[in-house]
Amino acid sequence: SIASSNSMIGRIDGSRRVRAIDSTTIRQPASKGTDWRLHYTIDLGTLSCDWQELTDAKGAELLERAPINKGDVLLADRNFLRPLGARAVVAAGGDLVVRLRWTHSLLLDTSGKRFEALTHARRLRVGKPGDWSVRLPVPDQEPIKGRVVAVRLPAPLAARAERRALRSSEKKQRTPDKRSLEATHFVLLFTTLSPATLDAAGVLALYRCRWQIEL
C-alpha cells in the first residue's frame, strides 16, 4: 500500500525518492512470441510511473536505462545486478537494493576473497538477518562498496517457494540445481545503502515494497 511504502521511505529520509524498476513483455494480436519489452519505474511514494522505455524483444533489463537523480533509491529483482548498471546508479548519486541469485555477480569480502551469499546465509536462523560488507568489482573502475543482507524464510514460506521453483523447472522440462532449491529458502539482497542509513531488517522491509511494481 502507499501507506506502508511511505512508512518505509520515511525510515530512510523523506527527501529521497524510492523507486522500483522492472519490465514486462508485450505481444501483438496473433503473435507467437514477444514483440516488445516495456521497461519502467514507479515512484513508491505515489505508486505512479515516472519513466518508461519501449524496446524490441531483445531489449535487456538494465539499471542504466533509467534516469537516476541524486538521492534515488532503486529497488530491483534478480535480473538487474550487473556491475556497469550498478556503477551508473552510484555515479549518479543513487543507491540500490537488488535481489541476488545464488549464482550472483562476483562479490568480494573485505579481505578481497570471493563472497558467496548462499554460503554465508546457510548459517542464519529464522528471524536473524545477516549483514556482510562486500565489494562489487567493476571492469576498469573502482569497486562498488556495498552489503549483502540475507534472511532465512520460515519453514512454511520456504516450502512454498521451493514448490514454485520445482513447478517452474517441470514446466521448462529442466532438472533444478540443488542449490537453486536451497536458495528459495532465503531472501538474498545486495545494497549500497549504509548501515547508518538503514539496518539489515530495514533493508529487507524496504525491499518488500518492490512488490508494488508487480501489482
Protein backbone atom coordinates (compact mmCIF):
# COMPACT_ATOMS: atom_id res chain seq x y z
CA SER A 1 0.00 0.00 0.00
CA ILE A 2 1.00 3.64 -0.34
CA ALA A 3 0.92 3.98 3.45
CA SER A 4 3.34 1.10 4.04
CA SER A 5 5.65 2.32 1.27
CA ASN A 6 5.68 5.84 2.71
CA SER A 7 6.39 4.43 6.16
CA MET A 8 9.50 2.65 4.90
CA ILE A 9 10.61 5.66 2.84
CA GLY A 10 10.31 7.77 5.97
CA ARG A 11 12.77 5.47 7.73
CA ILE A 12 15.40 6.38 5.13
CA ASP A 13 14.89 10.07 4.50
CA GLY A 14 11.68 11.77 3.48
CA SER A 15 13.57 13.76 0.84
CA ARG A 16 14.78 10.66 -1.02
CA ARG A 17 12.81 9.13 -3.88
CA VAL A 18 12.41 5.35 -3.55
CA ARG A 19 11.65 3.68 -6.88
CA ALA A 20 11.14 0.18 -8.26
CA ILE A 21 12.32 -0.86 -11.72
CA ASP A 22 11.05 -3.74 -13.84
CA SER A 23 9.93 -4.69 -17.34
CA THR A 24 7.07 -6.53 -18.97
CA THR A 25 6.64 -8.21 -22.33
CA ILE A 26 4.07 -7.20 -24.95
CA ARG A 27 2.60 -9.30 -27.77
CA GLN A 28 0.64 -8.05 -30.71
CA PRO A 29 -2.53 -9.93 -31.73
CA ALA A 30 -1.85 -13.45 -33.08
CA SER A 31 1.81 -13.21 -32.15
CA LYS A 32 3.56 -16.44 -31.17
CA GLY A 33 6.25 -14.74 -29.14
CA THR A 34 7.35 -11.49 -27.50
CA ASP A 35 7.28 -8.46 -29.80
CA TRP A 36 8.26 -5.65 -27.44
CA ARG A 37 9.51 -5.09 -23.92
CA LEU A 38 8.29 -2.20 -21.78
CA HIS A 39 10.84 -1.00 -19.20
CA TYR A 40 9.52 1.25 -16.45
CA THR A 41 9.98 2.59 -12.94
CA ILE A 42 7.45 3.63 -10.33
CA ASP A 43 7.81 6.13 -7.52
CA LEU A 44 6.88 4.12 -4.42
CA GLY A 45 5.81 7.28 -2.62
CA THR A 46 2.95 7.83 -5.05
CA LEU A 47 2.79 4.49 -6.94
CA SER A 48 2.95 6.46 -10.20
CA CYS A 49 5.10 5.57 -13.21
CA ASP A 50 7.87 8.16 -13.51
CA TRP A 51 9.77 6.73 -16.53
CA GLN A 52 9.24 4.22 -19.31
CA GLU A 53 11.02 2.98 -22.42
CA LEU A 54 9.80 0.63 -25.15
CA THR A 55 12.32 -1.68 -26.86
CA ASP A 56 12.14 -4.69 -29.10
CA ALA A 57 12.04 -8.16 -27.54
CA LYS A 58 15.83 -8.26 -27.23
CA GLY A 59 15.98 -5.17 -25.04
CA ALA A 60 17.68 -6.34 -21.83
CA GLU A 61 16.69 -5.34 -18.31
CA LEU A 62 19.38 -2.80 -17.38
CA LEU A 63 19.67 -0.45 -14.42
CA GLU A 64 21.44 2.09 -16.62
CA ARG A 65 18.36 2.50 -18.83
CA ALA A 66 16.52 4.50 -16.19
CA PRO A 67 17.43 8.15 -15.47
CA ILE A 68 18.68 8.45 -11.89
CA ASN A 69 18.64 11.57 -9.74
CA LYS A 70 20.86 12.15 -6.73
CA GLY A 71 19.34 10.51 -3.68
CA ASP A 72 17.20 7.98 -5.60
CA VAL A 73 16.96 4.50 -4.08
CA LEU A 74 16.27 1.89 -6.76
CA LEU A 75 14.72 -1.50 -5.90
CA ALA A 76 15.21 -4.27 -8.46
CA ASP A 77 14.75 -8.01 -8.87
CA ARG A 78 17.32 -10.72 -9.64
CA ASN A 79 17.88 -9.91 -13.33
CA PHE A 80 19.29 -6.45 -12.69
CA LEU A 81 22.55 -6.82 -10.74
CA ARG A 82 25.29 -6.12 -13.26
CA PRO A 83 28.45 -4.18 -12.36
CA LEU A 84 28.14 -1.48 -15.04
CA GLY A 85 24.48 -0.85 -14.22
CA ALA A 86 25.22 -0.61 -10.52
CA ARG A 87 28.08 1.80 -11.24
CA ALA A 88 25.74 4.00 -13.30
CA VAL A 89 23.31 4.30 -10.38
CA VAL A 90 26.01 5.03 -7.82
CA ALA A 91 27.78 7.51 -10.11
CA ALA A 92 24.51 9.45 -10.41
CA GLY A 93 24.30 9.68 -6.61
CA GLY A 94 21.72 6.93 -6.16
CA ASP A 95 21.58 3.73 -4.12
CA LEU A 96 20.50 0.18 -4.86
CA VAL A 97 18.63 -2.66 -3.21
CA VAL A 98 18.77 -5.63 -5.59
CA ARG A 99 17.74 -9.28 -5.15
CA LEU A 100 20.57 -11.79 -5.62
CA ARG A 101 20.58 -15.11 -7.42
CA TRP A 102 22.70 -17.79 -5.79
CA THR A 103 24.81 -17.51 -8.96
CA HIS A 104 25.23 -13.78 -8.47
CA SER A 105 27.82 -11.43 -9.98
CA LEU A 106 31.28 -11.62 -8.46
CA LEU A 107 31.41 -10.11 -4.98
CA LEU A 108 34.46 -9.77 -2.74
CA ASP A 109 34.62 -9.62 1.04
CA THR A 110 36.67 -7.03 2.95
CA SER A 111 39.81 -9.17 2.62
CA GLY A 112 39.43 -9.46 -1.15
CA LYS A 113 38.21 -13.06 -1.19
CA ARG A 114 35.25 -14.23 -3.25
CA PHE A 115 31.99 -13.83 -1.33
CA GLU A 116 29.13 -16.24 -1.98
CA ALA A 117 25.87 -15.10 -0.45
CA LEU A 118 24.26 -18.54 -0.19
CA THR A 119 27.27 -19.98 1.65
CA HIS A 120 27.02 -17.29 4.33
CA ALA A 121 23.23 -17.38 4.50
CA ARG A 122 23.27 -21.09 5.40
CA ARG A 123 24.44 -20.11 8.89
CA LEU A 124 21.41 -17.95 9.57
CA ARG A 125 18.49 -18.81 11.81
CA VAL A 126 14.94 -17.76 11.04
CA GLY A 127 14.33 -14.17 12.13
CA LYS A 128 18.03 -13.27 12.45
CA PRO A 129 19.14 -11.27 9.38
CA GLY A 130 22.72 -11.45 8.18
CA ASP A 131 24.65 -8.36 7.11
CA TRP A 132 28.09 -8.51 5.44
CA SER A 133 30.27 -5.79 3.91
CA VAL A 134 31.26 -6.58 0.31
CA ARG A 135 32.70 -5.03 -2.83
CA LEU A 136 31.22 -5.36 -6.32
CA PRO A 137 34.08 -5.29 -8.86
CA VAL A 138 33.54 -3.12 -11.95
CA PRO A 139 35.76 -3.56 -15.04
CA ASP A 140 38.45 -0.84 -15.23
CA GLN A 141 36.82 1.12 -12.39
CA GLU A 142 36.83 1.25 -8.61
CA PRO A 143 34.74 -1.50 -7.00
CA ILE A 144 31.40 -0.51 -5.51
CA LYS A 145 31.12 -0.63 -1.73
CA GLY A 146 28.01 -2.43 -0.55
CA ARG A 147 26.46 -5.02 1.72
CA VAL A 148 24.82 -8.37 1.35
CA VAL A 149 21.74 -8.64 3.54
CA ALA A 150 20.02 -12.01 3.92
CA VAL A 151 17.34 -13.75 5.93
CA ARG A 152 16.19 -17.35 6.20
CA LEU A 153 12.47 -17.76 5.48
CA PRO A 154 10.17 -19.53 7.96
CA ALA A 155 9.59 -23.18 7.02
CA PRO A 156 6.08 -22.73 5.50
CA LEU A 157 7.22 -19.85 3.28
CA ALA A 158 10.40 -21.68 2.29
CA ALA A 159 8.44 -24.83 1.36
CA ARG A 160 6.03 -22.77 -0.75
CA ALA A 161 8.89 -21.03 -2.56
CA GLU A 162 10.61 -24.36 -3.23
CA ARG A 163 7.39 -25.82 -4.68
CA ARG A 164 7.10 -22.84 -7.03
CA ALA A 165 10.66 -23.38 -8.20
CA LEU A 166 10.00 -27.07 -8.80
CA ARG A 167 6.84 -26.33 -10.80
CA SER A 168 8.74 -23.81 -12.90
CA SER A 169 11.50 -26.34 -13.61
CA GLU A 170 8.98 -29.03 -14.53
CA LYS A 171 7.22 -26.65 -16.89
CA LYS A 172 10.54 -25.91 -18.61
CA GLN A 173 11.45 -29.62 -18.52
CA ARG A 174 14.61 -28.96 -16.55
CA THR A 175 16.19 -30.62 -13.54
CA PRO A 176 16.79 -27.88 -10.94
CA ASP A 177 20.18 -27.49 -9.30
CA LYS A 178 20.01 -28.41 -5.61
CA ARG A 179 21.45 -25.01 -4.77
CA SER A 180 18.65 -23.31 -6.70
CA LEU A 181 16.13 -25.08 -4.48
CA GLU A 182 18.13 -24.29 -1.37
CA ALA A 183 18.26 -20.61 -2.36
CA THR A 184 14.46 -20.43 -2.33
CA HIS A 185 14.68 -20.73 1.47
CA PHE A 186 16.34 -17.30 1.69
CA VAL A 187 15.98 -13.68 0.65
CA LEU A 188 19.41 -12.53 -0.54
CA LEU A 189 19.96 -8.83 -1.28
CA PHE A 190 22.78 -6.55 -2.36
CA THR A 191 22.53 -2.91 -1.28
CA THR A 192 24.68 0.18 -1.39
CA LEU A 193 22.75 1.76 1.49
CA SER A 194 24.99 2.16 4.54
CA PRO A 195 24.12 0.52 7.89
CA ALA A 196 23.79 4.02 9.34
CA THR A 197 21.09 4.76 6.75
CA LEU A 198 19.15 1.51 7.14
CA ASP A 199 19.89 -1.62 9.17
CA ALA A 200 19.51 -5.16 7.80
CA ALA A 201 15.91 -5.54 8.97
CA GLY A 202 15.07 -2.18 7.39
CA VAL A 203 16.65 -3.15 4.06
CA LEU A 204 14.60 -6.36 3.97
CA ALA A 205 11.41 -4.47 4.83
CA LEU A 206 12.13 -1.85 2.18
CA TYR A 207 12.67 -4.48 -0.49
CA ARG A 208 9.23 -5.93 0.17
CA CYS A 209 7.82 -2.65 -1.17
CA ARG A 210 9.16 -3.66 -4.60
CA TRP A 211 6.15 -5.96 -4.98
CA GLN A 212 4.05 -2.88 -5.72
CA ILE A 213 5.51 -2.78 -9.23
CA GLU A 214 4.34 -6.36 -9.82
CA LEU A 215 0.84 -5.36 -8.79
